[in-house]
Amino acid sequence: MLPAHNENAMNMIPIYTMKSEPEAAVISSLMTAYNIHFIISGRGFSSMYPGAISNSLNEQILMVRADQVELAKTLLEPFFNS
């Protein structure tokens, strides 16, 4: 039997664009440690096409579940202010 549909669980909201691969690794670990469901859009592109192809193509965007946005933003405050 399928679990009940939870609309918040299905909506992923973009909240932050990573500045580097190491920053993406740290943020990924932080989200995992706090059990936040997330996707990093564009994460594998730079490994397929290394080098300075285009900043917009190499962009890595953190997306989190709609019901976890506030917690994720609180955890990312130090990154927003840097």
C-alpha atoms as a PDB file:
ATOM      1  CA  MET A   1       0.000   0.000   0.000  1.00  0.00           C
ATOM      2  CA  LEU A   2       1.295   3.469  -0.877  1.00  0.00           C
ATOM      3  CA  PRO A   3       1.721   6.060   1.873  1.00  0.00           C
ATOM      4  CA  ALA A   4      -0.773   8.921   2.050  1.00  0.00           C
ATOM      5  CA  HIS A   5       0.012  11.791  -0.312  1.00  0.00           C
ATOM      6  CA  ASN A   6       1.775  14.639   1.476  1.00  0.00           C
ATOM      7  CA  GLU A   7       1.981  17.660  -0.825  1.00  0.00           C
ATOM      8  CA  ASN A   8       4.794  19.253   1.229  1.00  0.00           C
ATOM      9  CA  ALA A   9       6.865  16.110   0.806  1.00  0.00           C
ATOM     10  CA  MET A  10       6.584  16.389  -2.968  1.00  0.00           C
ATOM     11  CA  ASN A  11       7.449  20.080  -3.366  1.00  0.00           C
ATOM     12  CA  MET A  12      11.154  20.851  -3.496  1.00  0.00           C
ATOM     13  CA  ILE A  13      11.975  24.534  -3.002  1.00  0.00           C
ATOM     14  CA  PRO A  14      15.285  26.057  -4.236  1.00  0.00           C
ATOM     15  CA  ILE A  15      16.894  27.942  -1.361  1.00  0.00           C
ATOM     16  CA  TYR A  16      20.619  28.342  -2.055  1.00  0.00           C
ATOM     17  CA  THR A  17      23.149  28.326  -4.894  1.00  0.00           C
ATOM     18  CA  MET A  18      26.497  26.820  -3.951  1.00  0.00           C
ATOM     19  CA  LYS A  19      29.668  28.762  -4.669  1.00  0.00           C
ATOM     20  CA  SER A  20      32.014  25.752  -4.953  1.00  0.00           C
ATOM     21  CA  GLU A  21      32.210  21.963  -4.888  1.00  0.00           C
ATOM     22  CA  PRO A  22      33.649  21.900  -1.320  1.00  0.00           C
ATOM     23  CA  GLU A  23      30.789  24.128  -0.130  1.00  0.00           C
ATOM     24  CA  ALA A  24      28.312  21.727  -1.767  1.00  0.00           C
ATOM     25  CA  ALA A  25      29.908  18.811   0.109  1.00  0.00           C
ATOM     26  CA  VAL A  26      29.675  20.620   3.459  1.00  0.00           C
ATOM     27  CA  ILE A  27      26.061  21.655   2.884  1.00  0.00           C
ATOM     28  CA  SER A  28      25.142  18.144   1.761  1.00  0.00           C
ATOM     29  CA  SER A  29      26.613  16.753   4.998  1.00  0.00           C
ATOM     30  CA  LEU A  30      24.774  19.380   7.049  1.00  0.00           C
ATOM     31  CA  MET A  31      21.426  18.544   5.435  1.00  0.00           C
ATOM     32  CA  THR A  32      22.030  14.822   5.956  1.00  0.00           C
ATOM     33  CA  ALA A  33      23.007  15.323   9.616  1.00  0.00           C
ATOM     34  CA  TYR A  34      19.714  17.103  10.320  1.00  0.00           C
ATOM     35  CA  ASN A  35      17.670  14.597   8.290  1.00  0.00           C
ATOM     36  CA  ILE A  36      16.547  17.218   5.781  1.00  0.00           C
ATOM     37  CA  HIS A  37      15.342  15.811   2.458  1.00  0.00           C
ATOM     38  CA  PHE A  38      17.227  17.620  -0.299  1.00  0.00           C
ATOM     39  CA  ILE A  39      18.409  17.552  -3.896  1.00  0.00           C
ATOM     40  CA  ILE A  40      21.383  19.403  -5.313  1.00  0.00           C
ATOM     41  CA  SER A  41      20.448  20.240  -8.865  1.00  0.00           C
ATOM     42  CA  GLY A  42      23.373  20.259 -11.308  1.00  0.00           C
ATOM     43  CA  ARG A  43      25.760  18.429  -8.976  1.00  0.00           C
ATOM     44  CA  GLY A  44      27.231  16.027 -11.536  1.00  0.00           C
ATOM     45  CA  PHE A  45      27.630  18.440 -14.431  1.00  0.00           C
ATOM     46  CA  SER A  46      31.086  19.727 -13.497  1.00  0.00           C
ATOM     47  CA  SER A  47      32.442  16.173 -13.368  1.00  0.00           C
ATOM     48  CA  MET A  48      31.137  15.482 -16.889  1.00  0.00           C
ATOM     49  CA  TYR A  49      32.541  18.685 -18.342  1.00  0.00           C
ATOM     50  CA  PRO A  50      35.456  19.901 -16.193  1.00  0.00           C
ATOM     51  CA  GLY A  51      36.834  23.369 -16.650  1.00  0.00           C
ATOM     52  CA  ALA A  52      35.319  26.781 -17.089  1.00  0.00           C
ATOM     53  CA  ILE A  53      32.470  25.974 -19.461  1.00  0.00           C
ATOM     54  CA  SER A  54      29.904  28.355 -18.035  1.00  0.00           C
ATOM     55  CA  ASN A  55      28.988  29.469 -14.554  1.00  0.00           C
ATOM     56  CA  SER A  56      25.296  28.986 -15.234  1.00  0.00           C
ATOM     57  CA  LEU A  57      25.866  25.430 -16.480  1.00  0.00           C
ATOM     58  CA  ASN A  58      28.037  24.522 -13.468  1.00  0.00           C
ATOM     59  CA  GLU A  59      25.543  26.029 -11.008  1.00  0.00           C
ATOM     60  CA  GLN A  60      24.578  23.780  -8.109  1.00  0.00           C
ATOM     61  CA  ILE A  61      21.264  24.642  -6.477  1.00  0.00           C
ATOM     62  CA  LEU A  62      20.123  23.253  -3.135  1.00  0.00           C
ATOM     63  CA  MET A  63      16.442  22.327  -3.090  1.00  0.00           C
ATOM     64  CA  VAL A  64      14.708  21.123   0.079  1.00  0.00           C
ATOM     65  CA  ARG A  65      11.277  19.783   0.923  1.00  0.00           C
ATOM     66  CA  ALA A  66       8.740  22.573   1.401  1.00  0.00           C
ATOM     67  CA  ASP A  67       8.016  21.607   5.011  1.00  0.00           C
ATOM     68  CA  GLN A  68      11.737  21.768   5.887  1.00  0.00           C
ATOM     69  CA  VAL A  69      12.637  25.115   4.298  1.00  0.00           C
ATOM     70  CA  GLU A  70      12.740  27.108   7.548  1.00  0.00           C
ATOM     71  CA  LEU A  71      15.049  24.635   9.311  1.00  0.00           C
ATOM     72  CA  ALA A  72      17.338  24.443   6.275  1.00  0.00           C
ATOM     73  CA  LYS A  73      17.534  28.247   5.995  1.00  0.00           C
ATOM     74  CA  THR A  74      18.378  28.501   9.697  1.00  0.00           C
ATOM     75  CA  LEU A  75      21.206  25.994   9.264  1.00  0.00           C
ATOM     76  CA  LEU A  76      22.489  27.856   6.195  1.00  0.00           C
ATOM     77  CA  GLU A  77      22.561  31.328   7.786  1.00  0.00           C
ATOM     78  CA  PRO A  78      26.385  31.354   8.021  1.00  0.00           C
ATOM     79  CA  PHE A  79      26.553  30.631   4.264  1.00  0.00           C
ATOM     80  CA  PHE A  80      24.039  33.374   3.424  1.00  0.00           C
ATOM     81  CA  ASN A  81      26.129  35.928   5.317  1.00  0.00           C
ATOM     82  CA  SER A  82      29.486  35.022   3.755  1.00  0.00           C
END
